[in-house]
Protein backbone atom coordinates (compact mmCIF):
# COMPACT_ATOMS: atom_id res chain seq x y z
CA MET A 1 130.18 182.33 108.97
CA ASP A 2 133.60 181.94 110.35
CA PRO A 3 135.43 179.43 108.09
CA GLU A 4 136.72 177.30 111.03
CA LEU A 5 133.40 177.29 112.76
CA LEU A 6 131.75 176.15 109.25
CA SER A 7 134.62 173.28 109.05
CA THR A 8 134.12 172.19 112.40
CA SER A 9 130.44 172.10 112.06
CA ARG A 10 130.90 170.21 108.96
CA GLY A 11 132.98 167.90 110.92
CA LEU A 12 130.44 167.07 113.27
CA TYR A 13 127.88 166.60 110.76
CA ALA A 14 129.99 163.94 109.05
CA VAL A 15 130.58 162.27 112.37
CA LYS A 16 126.78 162.04 113.45
CA TRP A 17 125.67 160.66 110.21
CA SER A 18 128.44 158.37 109.49
CA PHE A 19 127.96 156.89 113.11
CA ALA A 20 124.21 156.32 112.37
CA GLY A 21 125.13 154.66 109.14
CA LEU A 22 127.74 152.31 110.95
CA MET A 23 125.66 151.67 113.93
CA ALA A 24 122.68 150.19 111.58
CA THR A 25 125.02 148.27 109.69
CA ALA A 26 126.41 146.38 112.85
CA LEU A 27 123.13 146.01 114.45
CA PHE A 28 121.71 144.22 111.21
CA GLN A 29 125.00 142.14 111.24
CA ILE A 30 124.85 140.98 114.88
CA LEU A 31 121.62 139.75 114.34
CA ILE A 32 122.79 137.54 111.52
CA VAL A 33 125.82 136.43 113.82
CA TRP A 34 123.49 135.38 116.44
CA VAL A 35 121.45 133.04 113.90
CA SER A 36 124.37 131.60 111.86
CA GLY A 37 127.32 131.55 114.61
CA SER A 38 129.59 132.73 111.89
CA VAL A 39 133.09 133.87 113.47
CA ALA A 40 134.32 135.79 110.31
CA LEU A 41 130.89 137.86 110.36
CA LEU A 42 131.31 138.30 114.20
CA ALA A 43 134.92 139.52 113.48
CA ASP A 44 133.49 142.08 110.80
CA THR A 45 130.53 142.98 112.93
CA ILE A 46 133.01 143.73 116.04
CA HIS A 47 135.18 145.89 113.66
CA ASN A 48 132.12 147.57 112.30
CA PHE A 49 130.92 148.48 116.06
CA GLY A 50 134.67 149.67 116.64
CA ASP A 51 134.65 151.91 113.91
CA ALA A 52 131.01 153.53 114.89
CA ALA A 53 132.61 153.88 118.38
CA THR A 54 135.38 156.00 116.81
CA ALA A 55 132.69 158.62 116.04
CA VAL A 56 132.61 159.27 119.95
CA PRO A 57 136.13 160.95 120.61
CA LEU A 58 136.13 162.26 117.26
CA GLY A 59 133.02 164.09 117.78
CA LEU A 60 134.10 165.29 121.28
CA ALA A 61 137.24 166.83 119.54
CA PHE A 62 135.38 168.77 116.84
CA PHE A 63 133.09 170.05 119.61
CA LEU A 64 136.05 171.27 121.73
CA SER A 65 137.70 172.94 118.79
CA ARG A 66 134.79 175.38 118.67
CA LYS A 67 136.16 176.86 121.92
CA LYS A 68 137.97 180.05 121.80
CA PRO A 69 141.71 179.85 122.59
CA ASN A 70 142.60 181.45 126.48
CA LYS A 71 145.44 182.05 128.45
CA ARG A 72 145.98 178.41 129.22
CA PHE A 73 145.22 176.91 125.73
CA THR A 74 146.74 179.92 123.69
CA TYR A 75 146.61 177.85 120.60
CA GLY A 76 143.02 176.60 121.21
CA TYR A 77 141.68 172.98 121.59
CA GLY A 78 142.89 171.62 118.07
CA ARG A 79 145.08 169.17 119.60
CA ALA A 80 141.91 167.19 120.84
CA GLU A 81 141.54 165.88 117.34
CA ASP A 82 144.97 164.61 117.50
CA ILE A 83 144.27 163.04 120.79
CA ALA A 84 140.92 161.41 118.95
CA GLY A 85 143.09 160.06 116.38
CA LEU A 86 145.22 157.97 118.89
CA ILE A 87 142.04 156.77 120.61
CA ILE A 88 140.87 155.61 117.21
CA VAL A 89 144.10 153.59 116.52
CA PHE A 90 143.83 151.93 119.93
CA LEU A 91 140.07 151.04 119.43
CA ILE A 92 141.14 149.51 115.90
CA LEU A 93 143.92 147.54 117.65
CA PHE A 94 141.49 146.40 120.35
CA SER A 95 138.98 145.10 117.58
CA ALA A 96 142.07 143.26 115.76
CA ALA A 97 143.02 141.26 119.20
CA VAL A 98 139.21 140.42 119.66
CA ALA A 99 138.97 139.16 116.12
CA ALA A 100 141.93 136.99 116.11
CA TYR A 101 140.81 135.67 119.55
CA GLU A 102 137.55 134.45 118.26
CA SER A 103 139.03 133.30 115.04
CA ILE A 104 141.88 131.08 116.86
CA SER A 105 139.10 129.88 119.25
CA ARG A 106 137.13 128.45 116.51
CA PHE A 107 140.13 126.43 114.92
CA PHE A 108 140.33 124.47 118.24
CA PHE A 109 136.61 124.54 119.18
CA PRO A 110 134.96 124.43 115.71
CA GLN A 111 131.11 125.22 115.29
CA PRO A 112 128.91 124.97 112.39
CA VAL A 113 127.92 127.97 110.62
CA GLU A 114 124.22 128.08 109.67
CA PHE A 115 121.95 130.14 107.89
CA LEU A 116 124.72 130.94 105.17
CA GLY A 117 122.19 132.94 103.10
CA GLY A 118 121.91 135.54 105.83
CA VAL A 119 125.80 135.36 106.33
CA ILE A 120 126.11 136.35 102.41
CA ALA A 121 123.46 139.33 102.80
CA ALA A 122 124.87 140.58 106.13
CA SER A 123 128.35 140.73 104.35
CA ILE A 124 127.17 142.66 101.56
CA VAL A 125 125.23 144.92 103.57
CA GLY A 126 128.52 145.39 105.49
CA PHE A 127 130.27 146.21 102.32
CA LEU A 128 127.58 148.67 101.01
CA GLY A 129 127.30 150.39 104.57
CA ASN A 130 130.81 150.95 105.00
CA GLU A 131 131.69 152.10 101.41
CA LEU A 132 128.77 154.67 101.69
CA VAL A 133 130.19 155.98 105.04
CA ALA A 134 133.74 155.96 103.81
CA LYS A 135 133.03 158.13 100.56
CA PHE A 136 131.11 160.52 103.14
CA ARG A 137 133.57 160.58 105.56
CA ILE A 138 136.65 161.06 103.13
CA LYS A 139 134.44 164.06 101.42
CA ILE A 140 133.94 166.01 104.30
CA GLY A 141 137.18 165.46 105.75
CA THR A 142 139.27 166.60 102.27
CA GLU A 143 136.85 169.52 102.40
CA ILE A 144 137.71 170.79 105.94
CA GLY A 145 141.29 169.35 105.89
CA SER A 146 140.69 166.93 108.91
CA ALA A 147 143.26 164.16 108.47
CA ALA A 148 141.57 161.95 111.38
CA LEU A 149 138.39 162.18 109.54
CA VAL A 150 140.02 161.08 106.16
CA ALA A 151 141.93 158.34 107.81
CA ASP A 152 138.55 157.20 109.55
CA GLY A 153 137.10 157.24 105.92
CA TYR A 154 139.69 154.83 104.51
CA HIS A 155 139.37 152.68 107.76
CA ALA A 156 135.71 152.43 106.87
CA ARG A 157 136.59 151.48 103.35
CA ALA A 158 139.10 148.77 104.42
CA ASP A 159 136.22 147.47 106.66
CA GLY A 160 134.22 147.25 103.53
CA PHE A 161 136.52 145.08 101.71
CA THR A 162 136.72 142.82 104.97
CA SER A 163 133.11 142.31 104.71
CA LEU A 164 133.48 141.04 101.17
CA ALA A 165 136.11 138.50 102.75
CA VAL A 166 133.33 137.31 104.89
CA LEU A 167 131.24 136.61 101.80
CA PHE A 168 133.97 134.42 100.51
CA GLY A 169 134.30 132.58 103.69
CA ALA A 170 130.65 131.72 103.46
CA LEU A 171 131.10 130.72 99.82
CA GLY A 172 133.93 128.47 101.06
CA ILE A 173 131.53 126.87 103.63
CA LEU A 174 129.10 126.22 100.73
CA LEU A 175 131.89 124.36 98.78
CA GLY A 176 132.44 121.87 101.85
CA TYR A 177 135.50 123.76 103.63
CA PRO A 178 134.08 124.71 107.19
CA LEU A 179 137.39 125.90 108.05
CA ALA A 180 137.04 128.67 105.62
CA ASP A 181 135.28 130.75 108.34
CA PRO A 182 138.05 131.15 111.01
CA LEU A 183 140.56 131.47 108.47
CA VAL A 184 138.92 134.39 106.74
CA GLY A 185 138.50 135.92 110.26
CA LEU A 186 142.38 135.51 110.74
CA LEU A 187 142.75 137.33 107.32
CA ILE A 188 140.42 140.09 108.56
CA THR A 189 142.62 140.30 111.56
CA ILE A 190 145.47 140.85 109.41
CA ALA A 191 143.69 143.52 107.27
CA ILE A 192 142.77 145.50 110.55
CA LEU A 193 146.45 145.40 111.88
CA ARG A 194 147.68 146.82 108.43
CA ILE A 195 144.95 149.62 109.33
CA VAL A 196 146.39 150.15 112.66
CA TRP A 197 150.10 150.63 111.04
CA ASP A 198 149.05 152.99 108.35
CA ALA A 199 146.46 155.22 110.60
CA GLY A 200 149.10 154.93 113.49
CA LYS A 201 151.85 156.43 111.15
CA SER A 202 149.40 159.33 110.25
CA VAL A 203 148.27 159.99 113.80
CA PHE A 204 151.73 160.06 115.43
CA SER A 205 153.11 162.34 112.39
CA ARG A 206 150.24 165.09 113.38
CA MET A 207 151.16 164.62 117.20
CA LEU A 208 155.00 165.28 116.41
CA ASP A 209 154.17 168.43 114.03
CA GLY A 210 154.75 166.50 110.91
CA VAL A 211 153.33 168.10 107.58
CA GLU A 212 153.37 166.96 104.04
CA PRO A 213 156.57 168.06 102.59
CA ASP A 214 154.50 169.49 99.44
CA ILE A 215 152.99 172.01 101.93
CA VAL A 216 156.45 173.58 102.70
CA ASP A 217 157.44 173.70 99.02
CA GLU A 218 154.27 175.36 98.15
CA ILE A 219 154.76 178.04 100.73
CA HIS A 220 158.42 178.66 99.30
CA GLN A 221 156.72 179.06 95.65
CA VAL A 222 153.89 181.33 96.95
CA VAL A 223 156.21 183.57 99.20
CA ASN A 224 159.11 183.86 96.54
CA LYS A 225 156.46 185.51 94.22
CA ILE A 226 155.70 188.22 96.52
CA GLU A 227 157.08 191.50 95.51
CA GLY A 228 159.82 192.76 97.62
CA VAL A 229 160.69 189.43 98.97
CA ARG A 230 164.37 188.90 98.46
CA ASP A 231 164.59 185.45 100.31
CA VAL A 232 162.70 182.99 102.48
CA THR A 233 164.99 181.56 105.12
CA GLU A 234 163.11 179.39 107.42
CA VAL A 235 159.49 177.91 107.36
CA ARG A 236 157.70 176.14 109.78
CA VAL A 237 154.29 174.52 109.68
CA ARG A 238 151.96 172.46 111.72
CA TRP A 239 148.70 171.25 112.44
CA LEU A 240 146.44 171.62 115.11
CA GLY A 241 143.37 169.14 114.59
CA HIS A 242 142.60 170.25 111.02
CA ARG A 243 143.93 173.75 111.31
CA LEU A 244 147.45 174.50 109.73
CA TYR A 245 149.57 177.05 111.47
CA ALA A 246 152.52 178.78 109.68
CA GLU A 247 155.62 180.86 110.63
CA VAL A 248 157.99 182.40 107.85
CA ASN A 249 161.09 184.37 107.91
CA ILE A 250 161.63 186.79 104.88
CA ALA A 251 164.34 188.80 103.98
CA VAL A 252 163.82 192.26 102.43
CA ASP A 253 165.88 195.26 101.25
CA PRO A 254 167.94 196.59 104.37
CA LEU A 255 167.01 200.05 103.33
CA LEU A 256 163.14 199.83 103.23
CA SER A 257 161.43 201.37 106.13
CA VAL A 258 159.63 199.56 109.03
CA GLU A 259 156.39 200.67 107.37
CA GLU A 260 157.32 199.07 103.91
CA GLY A 261 158.41 196.07 105.38
CA HIS A 262 155.36 195.61 107.20
CA ALA A 263 153.77 196.09 103.86
CA ILE A 264 155.32 193.10 102.48
CA ALA A 265 154.67 190.85 105.50
CA VAL A 266 150.93 191.55 105.18
CA GLU A 267 151.46 190.78 101.48
CA VAL A 268 153.17 187.52 102.21
CA ARG A 269 150.51 186.43 104.79
CA HIS A 270 147.60 187.51 102.32
CA GLY A 271 149.13 185.25 99.65
CA MET A 272 149.44 182.40 101.76
CA MET A 273 145.88 182.53 103.17
CA HIS A 274 144.63 182.70 99.68
CA SER A 275 147.05 179.86 98.28
CA LEU A 276 147.11 177.21 100.94
CA GLY A 277 143.98 175.43 102.21
CA TYR A 278 143.15 174.98 105.70
CA LEU A 279 145.66 177.81 106.63
CA SER A 280 144.42 179.12 110.03
CA ASN A 281 147.28 181.65 110.71
CA VAL A 282 150.60 182.84 109.44
CA VAL A 283 153.38 184.75 111.39
CA VAL A 284 155.57 186.72 109.40
CA HIS A 285 159.16 187.54 110.62
CA VAL A 286 161.00 190.42 108.55
CA ASP A 287 165.01 190.44 108.25
CA PRO A 288 167.01 192.65 106.46
CA LEU A 289 168.65 190.86 103.59
CA GLY A 290 172.21 189.62 104.45
CA PHE A 291 170.92 189.24 108.14
CA ALA A 292 168.19 186.96 107.60
CA GLY A 293 167.38 183.90 109.54
CA GLU A 294 167.41 182.26 113.16
CA SER A 295 170.87 182.20 113.00
CA PHE A 296 171.51 186.09 113.18
CA HIS A 297 168.92 186.19 116.00
CA ARG A 298 171.31 184.32 118.46
CA LEU A 299 173.55 186.13 121.24
CA PRO A 300 177.06 185.53 121.43
CA GLU A 301 178.39 184.52 124.88
CA HIS A 302 178.07 186.83 127.44
CA GLU A 303 177.50 187.56 131.31
CA HIS A 304 174.73 189.42 133.24
CA ASP A 305 172.98 189.22 136.52
CA SER A 306 175.90 187.35 138.21
CA LEU A 307 175.01 184.37 136.00
CA PRO A 308 177.67 182.09 134.18
CA SER A 309 178.76 183.04 130.61
CA HIS A 310 176.07 181.74 128.20
CA SER A 311 174.79 182.27 124.93
CA HIS A 312 171.04 181.85 123.42
């Protein structure tokens, strides 16, 4: 089976079952919210519904990434996964706004929290449900190289800890501190905003073609070990969804034939594909030693076709 198709299928599998797990958790919690009136549990439930909803754009992105490149989208549809990550960040931000509104409202218009045993049970269920989903998403996301899926996994794990915060709010009410419930709701809001910040940095970095610097270092190490490579002048890498694309400029002995230089380029591509996980494609440009690098490809100032003097 095509490794890229297999990774996409694994991503859809993770999205489907994590959606089912979080939706079941949130539905159980909403019943307890209706009975108890706990705003902290309401904030946590809203967050869990939002987390489950992130499966929709993520699933659509994995579905689109199955489509082959064409004349309009020559690199395929990998960017759909990055767009899904952006939608996920805004959904998390929206859940933070709702949780903050409900918590602040309860400070000014307090309401009694009842059925504390149910609130405690719902918070424990919320923690366990989120932690199981987090482990599942992170495992599959790491296997296929999907930053969006891994980030969504850590998001679920953070949700699990906010569920434990609800537990502490319920215990505070039991000890005679009724404001513990909206206070915990605000603490959950702060935790959600921290998740927005961390997830947003990761998503926007991918959208701006950012990669982990270790990947560039590893490419240099791998390519420099290939016999016949005299220098590595430029390395460019970018993620398209959960697929990694690389462009490498290498220098070889200028006395080699075109066929011999091509053979070295093939070995470079082969070595990189084997050494780097999630590498989908590599373009290798071969230059003669002493004239390697993009600076040697530039044309000096010149004129043609009645155009003003220019260089490129």
